[in-house]
PDB file of N, CA and C in Angstrom:
ATOM      1  N   MET A   1     168.059  29.679  12.767  1.00  0.00           N
ATOM      2  CA  MET A   1     167.188  29.898  14.118  1.00  0.00           C
ATOM      3  C   MET A   1     167.589  31.203  14.477  1.00  0.00           C
ATOM      4  N   ALA A   2     166.689  31.927  14.835  1.00  0.00           N
ATOM      5  CA  ALA A   2     166.962  33.703  14.876  1.00  0.00           C
ATOM      6  C   ALA A   2     167.540  34.263  16.078  1.00  0.00           C
ATOM      7  N   ASP A   3     168.055  34.847  16.311  1.00  0.00           N
ATOM      8  CA  ASP A   3     168.868  34.832  17.590  1.00  0.00           C
ATOM      9  C   ASP A   3     167.967  35.861  18.050  1.00  0.00           C
ATOM     10  N   PRO A   4     167.386  35.263  19.629  1.00  0.00           N
ATOM     11  CA  PRO A   4     165.947  36.105  20.712  1.00  0.00           C
ATOM     12  C   PRO A   4     166.774  36.946  21.326  1.00  0.00           C
ATOM     13  N   ALA A   5     167.612  37.724  21.424  1.00  0.00           N
ATOM     14  CA  ALA A   5     168.501  38.843  22.130  1.00  0.00           C
ATOM     15  C   ALA A   5     168.208  39.386  21.168  1.00  0.00           C
ATOM     16  N   PRO A   6     167.836  41.379  21.543  1.00  0.00           N
ATOM     17  CA  PRO A   6     167.328  42.201  20.684  1.00  0.00           C
ATOM     18  C   PRO A   6     168.602  42.762  20.373  1.00  0.00           C
ATOM     19  N   GLN A   7     168.435  43.271  18.761  1.00  0.00           N
ATOM     20  CA  GLN A   7     169.776  43.771  18.346  1.00  0.00           C
ATOM     21  C   GLN A   7     170.283  45.167  19.047  1.00  0.00           C
ATOM     22  N   PRO A   8     171.591  44.964  18.652  1.00  0.00           N
ATOM     23  CA  PRO A   8     172.389  46.760  20.024  1.00  0.00           C
ATOM     24  C   PRO A   8     171.182  48.409  19.330  1.00  0.00           C
ATOM     25  N   GLU A   9     170.649  47.996  18.318  1.00  0.00           N
ATOM     26  CA  GLU A   9     169.620  49.226  17.779  1.00  0.00           C
ATOM     27  C   GLU A   9     168.266  49.159  18.814  1.00  0.00           C
ATOM     28  N   GLN A  10     167.942  48.432  18.598  1.00  0.00           N
ATOM     29  CA  GLN A  10     166.498  48.457  19.521  1.00  0.00           C
ATOM     30  C   GLN A  10     166.903  48.241  21.278  1.00  0.00           C
ATOM     31  N   TRP A  11     167.902  47.391  21.370  1.00  0.00           N
ATOM     32  CA  TRP A  11     167.800  47.630  23.003  1.00  0.00           C
ATOM     33  C   TRP A  11     168.157  49.234  23.070  1.00  0.00           C
ATOM     34  N   LEU A  12     168.657  49.921  22.344  1.00  0.00           N
ATOM     35  CA  LEU A  12     168.825  50.749  23.275  1.00  0.00           C
ATOM     36  C   LEU A  12     167.772  51.733  22.595  1.00  0.00           C
ATOM     37  N   GLU A  13     166.727  51.700  20.973  1.00  0.00           N
ATOM     38  CA  GLU A  13     165.424  52.420  21.048  1.00  0.00           C
ATOM     39  C   GLU A  13     164.416  51.954  21.690  1.00  0.00           C
ATOM     40  N   GLU A  14     164.293  50.936  22.607  1.00  0.00           N
ATOM     41  CA  GLU A  14     163.422  50.578  23.557  1.00  0.00           C
ATOM     42  C   GLU A  14     163.810  50.440  24.727  1.00  0.00           C
ATOM     43  N   LYS A  15     164.954  51.448  25.626  1.00  0.00           N
ATOM     44  CA  LYS A  15     165.548  51.695  26.121  1.00  0.00           C
ATOM     45  C   LYS A  15     165.023  52.974  26.689  1.00  0.00           C
ATOM     46  N   GLN A  16     165.295  54.305  24.729  1.00  0.00           N
ATOM     47  CA  GLN A  16     164.469  55.370  24.489  1.00  0.00           C
ATOM     48  C   GLN A  16     163.233  55.676  25.103  1.00  0.00           C
ATOM     49  N   ILE A  17     162.671  54.943  24.274  1.00  0.00           N
ATOM     50  CA  ILE A  17     161.063  54.914  24.612  1.00  0.00           C
ATOM     51  C   ILE A  17     160.518  54.775  26.164  1.00  0.00           C
ATOM     52  N   ARG A  18     161.576  54.376  26.926  1.00  0.00           N
ATOM     53  CA  ARG A  18     160.870  53.763  28.438  1.00  0.00           C
ATOM     54  C   ARG A  18     161.071  54.639  29.260  1.00  0.00           C
ATOM     55  N   GLU A  19     162.750  55.812  28.303  1.00  0.00           N
ATOM     56  CA  GLU A  19     162.967  56.601  29.551  1.00  0.00           C
ATOM     57  C   GLU A  19     162.073  57.999  29.486  1.00  0.00           C
ATOM     58  N   ARG A  20     161.882  58.106  28.302  1.00  0.00           N
ATOM     59  CA  ARG A  20     160.492  59.273  28.018  1.00  0.00           C
ATOM     60  C   ARG A  20     159.362  58.997  29.039  1.00  0.00           C
ATOM     61  N   ILE A  21     158.875  57.551  28.660  1.00  0.00           N
ATOM     62  CA  ILE A  21     157.611  56.981  29.340  1.00  0.00           C
ATOM     63  C   ILE A  21     157.873  58.242  31.211  1.00  0.00           C
ATOM     64  N   LEU A  22     159.198  57.614  31.019  1.00  0.00           N
ATOM     65  CA  LEU A  22     159.190  57.241  33.319  1.00  0.00           C
ATOM     66  C   LEU A  22     159.330  58.652  33.140  1.00  0.00           C
ATOM     67  N   GLN A  23     159.629  59.916  31.945  1.00  0.00           N
ATOM     68  CA  GLN A  23     159.954  61.142  32.058  1.00  0.00           C
ATOM     69  C   GLN A  23     159.023  61.822  31.901  1.00  0.00           C
ATOM     70  N   ALA A  24     158.059  61.555  31.313  1.00  0.00           N
ATOM     71  CA  ALA A  24     156.393  61.876  31.462  1.00  0.00           C
ATOM     72  C   ALA A  24     155.379  61.907  32.637  1.00  0.00           C
ATOM     73  N   ILE A  25     155.859  60.337  33.236  1.00  0.00           N
ATOM     74  CA  ILE A  25     155.132  59.592  34.016  1.00  0.00           C
ATOM     75  C   ILE A  25     155.418  60.772  35.804  1.00  0.00           C
ATOM     76  N   GLN A  26     156.453  61.219  35.307  1.00  0.00           N
ATOM     77  CA  GLN A  26     157.179  62.203  36.380  1.00  0.00           C
ATOM     78  C   GLN A  26     156.888  63.232  36.782  1.00  0.00           C
ATOM     79  N   SER A  27     156.109  64.187  34.828  1.00  0.00           N
ATOM     80  CA  SER A  27     155.601  65.039  35.461  1.00  0.00           C
ATOM     81  C   SER A  27     153.786  65.411  35.384  1.00  0.00           C
ATOM     82  N   LEU A  28     153.654  64.423  35.713  1.00  0.00           N
ATOM     83  CA  LEU A  28     152.385  64.291  35.955  1.00  0.00           C
ATOM     84  C   LEU A  28     152.527  65.005  37.397  1.00  0.00           C
ATOM     85  N   PRO A  29     151.716  64.997  37.651  1.00  0.00           N
ATOM     86  CA  PRO A  29     150.566  65.779  39.257  1.00  0.00           C
ATOM     87  C   PRO A  29     150.773  64.950  40.198  1.00  0.00           C
ATOM     88  N   PRO A  30     150.992  64.998  41.328  1.00  0.00           N
ATOM     89  CA  PRO A  30     151.181  63.776  41.977  1.00  0.00           C
ATOM     90  C   PRO A  30     149.788  62.899  41.621  1.00  0.00           C
ATOM     91  N   GLU A  31     148.818  62.954  42.438  1.00  0.00           N
ATOM     92  CA  GLU A  31     147.609  62.525  42.067  1.00  0.00           C
ATOM     93  C   GLU A  31     148.088  61.397  40.795  1.00  0.00           C
ATOM     94  N   GLN A  32     147.909  62.072  39.671  1.00  0.00           N
ATOM     95  CA  GLN A  32     148.037  60.930  38.315  1.00  0.00           C
ATOM     96  C   GLN A  32     149.484  60.088  37.710  1.00  0.00           C
ATOM     97  N   ARG A  33     149.648  60.819  38.613  1.00  0.00           N
ATOM     98  CA  ARG A  33     151.527  59.945  38.406  1.00  0.00           C
ATOM     99  C   ARG A  33     151.159  58.849  39.902  1.00  0.00           C
ATOM    100  N   ALA A  34     150.260  59.152  40.934  1.00  0.00           N
ATOM    101  CA  ALA A  34     149.594  57.910  41.803  1.00  0.00           C
ATOM    102  C   ALA A  34     148.699  57.180  40.803  1.00  0.00           C
ATOM    103  N   VAL A  35     148.296  56.825  40.232  1.00  0.00           N
ATOM    104  CA  VAL A  35     147.060  56.199  39.573  1.00  0.00           C
ATOM    105  C   VAL A  35     147.752  55.481  38.675  1.00  0.00           C
ATOM    106  N   ILE A  36     148.424  55.968  37.813  1.00  0.00           N
ATOM    107  CA  ILE A  36     149.482  55.524  36.703  1.00  0.00           C
ATOM    108  C   ILE A  36     150.326  54.461  37.141  1.00  0.00           C
ATOM    109  N   VAL A  37     150.682  55.192  38.723  1.00  0.00           N
ATOM    110  CA  VAL A  37     151.766  53.405  38.855  1.00  0.00           C
ATOM    111  C   VAL A  37     150.509  52.327  39.476  1.00  0.00           C
ATOM    112  N   MET A  38     150.009  52.704  39.481  1.00  0.00           N
ATOM    113  CA  MET A  38     149.071  51.672  40.657  1.00  0.00           C
ATOM    114  C   MET A  38     148.477  50.644  39.763  1.00  0.00           C
ATOM    115  N   ARG A  39     147.753  51.955  38.312  1.00  0.00           N
ATOM    116  CA  ARG A  39     147.288  50.700  37.503  1.00  0.00           C
ATOM    117  C   ARG A  39     148.352  50.216  36.554  1.00  0.00           C
ATOM    118  N   TYR A  40     149.148  50.256  36.049  1.00  0.00           N
ATOM    119  CA  TYR A  40     149.574  50.696  35.251  1.00  0.00           C
ATOM    120  C   TYR A  40     151.320  49.253  35.654  1.00  0.00           C
ATOM    121  N   TYR A  41     151.534  49.894  37.675  1.00  0.00           N
ATOM    122  CA  TYR A  41     153.013  49.637  37.190  1.00  0.00           C
ATOM    123  C   TYR A  41     152.565  48.188  38.412  1.00  0.00           C
ATOM    124  N   LEU A  42     151.620  48.448  39.318  1.00  0.00           N
ATOM    125  CA  LEU A  42     151.340  47.625  40.654  1.00  0.00           C
ATOM    126  C   LEU A  42     149.596  46.767  40.361  1.00  0.00           C
ATOM    127  N   GLU A  43     149.307  47.055  38.576  1.00  0.00           N
ATOM    128  CA  GLU A  43     148.044  46.176  38.564  1.00  0.00           C
ATOM    129  C   GLU A  43     146.905  46.284  39.468  1.00  0.00           C
ATOM    130  N   MET A  44     146.731  47.742  39.896  1.00  0.00           N
ATOM    131  CA  MET A  44     145.402  47.754  40.816  1.00  0.00           C
ATOM    132  C   MET A  44     144.110  48.155  40.263  1.00  0.00           C
ATOM    133  N   SER A  45     142.810  47.466  40.751  1.00  0.00           N
ATOM    134  CA  SER A  45     141.672  47.667  40.260  1.00  0.00           C
ATOM    135  C   SER A  45     141.260  49.430  40.622  1.00  0.00           C
ATOM    136  N   GLU A  46     140.340  50.022  39.413  1.00  0.00           N
ATOM    137  CA  GLU A  46     140.114  51.863  39.911  1.00  0.00           C
ATOM    138  C   GLU A  46     139.341  51.607  41.242  1.00  0.00           C
ATOM    139  N   ALA A  47     138.684  50.153  41.906  1.00  0.00           N
ATOM    140  CA  ALA A  47     137.613  50.450  43.553  1.00  0.00           C
ATOM    141  C   ALA A  47     139.155  50.176  43.746  1.00  0.00           C
ATOM    142  N   ASP A  48     140.675  49.440  43.430  1.00  0.00           N
ATOM    143  CA  ASP A  48     140.704  49.218  44.878  1.00  0.00           C
ATOM    144  C   ASP A  48     142.061  50.447  44.874  1.00  0.00           C
ATOM    145  N   MET A  49     142.074  51.412  43.112  1.00  0.00           N
ATOM    146  CA  MET A  49     142.970  52.782  44.060  1.00  0.00           C
ATOM    147  C   MET A  49     142.039  53.470  44.775  1.00  0.00           C
ATOM    148  N   SER A  50     140.468  53.735  44.651  1.00  0.00           N
ATOM    149  CA  SER A  50     139.371  54.405  45.981  1.00  0.00           C
ATOM    150  C   SER A  50     139.725  54.169  46.821  1.00  0.00           C
ATOM    151  N   ALA A  51     139.935  52.710  47.171  1.00  0.00           N
ATOM    152  CA  ALA A  51     140.031  51.801  48.635  1.00  0.00           C
ATOM    153  C   ALA A  51     141.057  53.062  49.193  1.00  0.00           C
ATOM    154  N   LYS A  52     142.145  52.825  48.782  1.00  0.00           N
ATOM    155  CA  LYS A  52     143.979  52.754  48.826  1.00  0.00           C
ATOM    156  C   LYS A  52     143.833  54.359  49.275  1.00  0.00           C
ATOM    157  N   MET A  53     143.552  54.953  48.265  1.00  0.00           N
ATOM    158  CA  MET A  53     144.056  56.929  48.137  1.00  0.00           C
ATOM    159  C   MET A  53     142.773  57.428  48.606  1.00  0.00           C
ATOM    160  N   GLU A  54     141.741  56.706  49.004  1.00  0.00           N
ATOM    161  CA  GLU A  54     140.919  56.987  49.733  1.00  0.00           C
ATOM    162  C   GLU A  54     140.161  58.253  49.474  1.00  0.00           C
ATOM    163  N   ARG A  55     139.902  57.945  47.958  1.00  0.00           N
ATOM    164  CA  ARG A  55     138.582  59.284  47.135  1.00  0.00           C
ATOM    165  C   ARG A  55     137.513  57.722  46.498  1.00  0.00           C
ATOM    166  N   PRO A  56     136.782  59.025  46.167  1.00  0.00           N
ATOM    167  CA  PRO A  56     135.788  58.312  45.256  1.00  0.00           C
ATOM    168  C   PRO A  56     136.266  57.937  43.587  1.00  0.00           C
ATOM    169  N   LEU A  57     135.374  56.933  42.946  1.00  0.00           N
ATOM    170  CA  LEU A  57     136.105  56.419  41.913  1.00  0.00           C
ATOM    171  C   LEU A  57     135.787  57.512  41.179  1.00  0.00           C
ATOM    172  N   SER A  58     134.690  57.695  40.849  1.00  0.00           N
ATOM    173  CA  SER A  58     134.800  58.733  40.011  1.00  0.00           C
ATOM    174  C   SER A  58     136.018  60.030  39.938  1.00  0.00           C
ATOM    175  N   SER A  59     136.779  59.992  41.096  1.00  0.00           N
ATOM    176  CA  SER A  59     138.539  61.064  41.334  1.00  0.00           C
ATOM    177  C   SER A  59     139.511  60.238  40.574  1.00  0.00           C
ATOM    178  N   ILE A  60     138.804  58.812  41.176  1.00  0.00           N
ATOM    179  CA  ILE A  60     140.317  57.869  39.988  1.00  0.00           C
ATOM    180  C   ILE A  60     139.908  57.811  38.472  1.00  0.00           C
ATOM    181  N   LYS A  61     138.747  57.529  37.966  1.00  0.00           N
ATOM    182  CA  LYS A  61     138.375  57.723  36.771  1.00  0.00           C
ATOM    183  C   LYS A  61     139.011  59.071  35.957  1.00  0.00           C
ATOM    184  N   TRP A  62     138.730  60.377  36.730  1.00  0.00           N
ATOM    185  CA  TRP A  62     139.067  61.828  36.225  1.00  0.00           C
ATOM    186  C   TRP A  62     140.365  61.235  35.836  1.00  0.00           C
ATOM    187  N   TRP A  63     141.640  60.765  37.599  1.00  0.00           N
ATOM    188  CA  TRP A  63     142.470  60.876  37.184  1.00  0.00           C
ATOM    189  C   TRP A  63     143.594  60.295  36.101  1.00  0.00           C
ATOM    190  N   LEU A  64     142.914  59.165  35.931  1.00  0.00           N
ATOM    191  CA  LEU A  64     143.420  58.682  34.901  1.00  0.00           C
ATOM    192  C   LEU A  64     143.038  58.851  33.665  1.00  0.00           C
ATOM    193  N   ARG A  65     141.733  59.386  33.654  1.00  0.00           N
ATOM    194  CA  ARG A  65     141.737  59.322  32.135  1.00  0.00           C
ATOM    195  C   ARG A  65     142.788  61.521  31.816  1.00  0.00           C
ATOM    196  N   ASP A  66     142.704  61.812  32.576  1.00  0.00           N
ATOM    197  CA  ASP A  66     143.489  63.022  32.446  1.00  0.00           C
ATOM    198  C   ASP A  66     144.753  62.796  32.034  1.00  0.00           C
ATOM    199  N   ALA A  67     145.430  62.230  33.066  1.00  0.00           N
ATOM    200  CA  ALA A  67     147.059  61.245  33.114  1.00  0.00           C
ATOM    201  C   ALA A  67     147.231  60.767  32.252  1.00  0.00           C
ATOM    202  N   ARG A  68     146.047  59.615  31.085  1.00  0.00           N
ATOM    203  CA  ARG A  68     146.135  58.758  30.027  1.00  0.00           C
ATOM    204  C   ARG A  68     146.671  60.266  28.841  1.00  0.00           C
ATOM    205  N   LYS A  69     145.859  60.926  28.677  1.00  0.00           N
ATOM    206  CA  LYS A  69     145.643  61.906  27.493  1.00  0.00           C
ATOM    207  C   LYS A  69     146.840  63.167  27.967  1.00  0.00           C
ATOM    208  N   ARG A  70     147.620  63.730  29.084  1.00  0.00           N
ATOM    209  CA  ARG A  70     148.258  64.395  29.169  1.00  0.00           C
ATOM    210  C   ARG A  70     150.202  63.385  28.714  1.00  0.00           C
ATOM    211  N   LEU A  71     149.816  61.808  29.009  1.00  0.00           N
ATOM    212  CA  LEU A  71     151.521  61.829  28.873  1.00  0.00           C
ATOM    213  C   LEU A  71     151.181  61.408  27.013  1.00  0.00           C
ATOM    214  N   ASN A  72     149.896  60.849  26.425  1.00  0.00           N
ATOM    215  CA  ASN A  72     150.149  60.680  24.867  1.00  0.00           C
ATOM    216  C   ASN A  72     150.156  62.809  24.591  1.00  0.00           C
ATOM    217  N   GLU A  73     150.442  63.671  24.999  1.00  0.00           N
ATOM    218  CA  GLU A  73     150.472  64.209  24.762  1.00  0.00           C
ATOM    219  C   GLU A  73     152.280  64.468  25.283  1.00  0.00           C
ATOM    220  N   LEU A  74     152.196  64.422  25.792  1.00  0.00           N
ATOM    221  CA  LEU A  74     154.330  64.877  25.935  1.00  0.00           C
ATOM    222  C   LEU A  74     154.784  63.485  25.215  1.00  0.00           C
ATOM    223  N   ILE A  75     154.329  62.727  24.874  1.00  0.00           N
ATOM    224  CA  ILE A  75     154.952  61.194  24.763  1.00  0.00           C
ATOM    225  C   ILE A  75     154.549  61.854  23.035  1.00  0.00           C
ATOM    226  N   ALA A  76     153.991  62.089  22.411  1.00  0.00           N
ATOM    227  CA  ALA A  76     154.006  62.827  20.758  1.00  0.00           C
ATOM    228  C   ALA A  76     155.237  63.763  20.706  1.00  0.00           C
ATOM    229  N   TYR A  77     154.359  64.865  21.525  1.00  0.00           N
ATOM    230  CA  TYR A  77     155.022  66.054  21.746  1.00  0.00           C
ATOM    231  C   TYR A  77     156.679  65.923  21.624  1.00  0.00           C
ATOM    232  N   ASP A  78     157.156  64.686  22.077  1.00  0.00           N
ATOM    233  CA  ASP A  78     158.644  64.180  22.302  1.00  0.00           C
ATOM    234  C   ASP A  78     158.796  63.859  21.268  1.00  0.00           C
ATOM    235  N   ARG A  79     158.156  63.132  20.844  1.00  0.00           N
ATOM    236  CA  ARG A  79     158.625  62.554  19.198  1.00  0.00           C
ATOM    237  C   ARG A  79     158.564  63.473  18.325  1.00  0.00           C
ATOM    238  N   SER A  80     158.419  64.741  18.511  1.00  0.00           N
ATOM    239  CA  SER A  80     158.115  65.996  17.168  1.00  0.00           C
ATOM    240  C   SER A  80     159.654  66.521  16.898  1.00  0.00           C
TER     241      SER A  80
END
């Protein structure tokens, strides 16, 4: 039977990935960072984020789009 616990190498790689993601999130502008945290960590809907931040839904969608794009760029750059 396979050991369900991750191997040390796998654990270290996953830890490094989490750290890169956290650093990338921290580098975002405040509005983008807030919507990423609300969406992916707090699992809020875009409508709920709009109400919470008292901003139009279009702004929330724009910030999310820009934040995702920037995170992809930052994480891809970090890998090279």
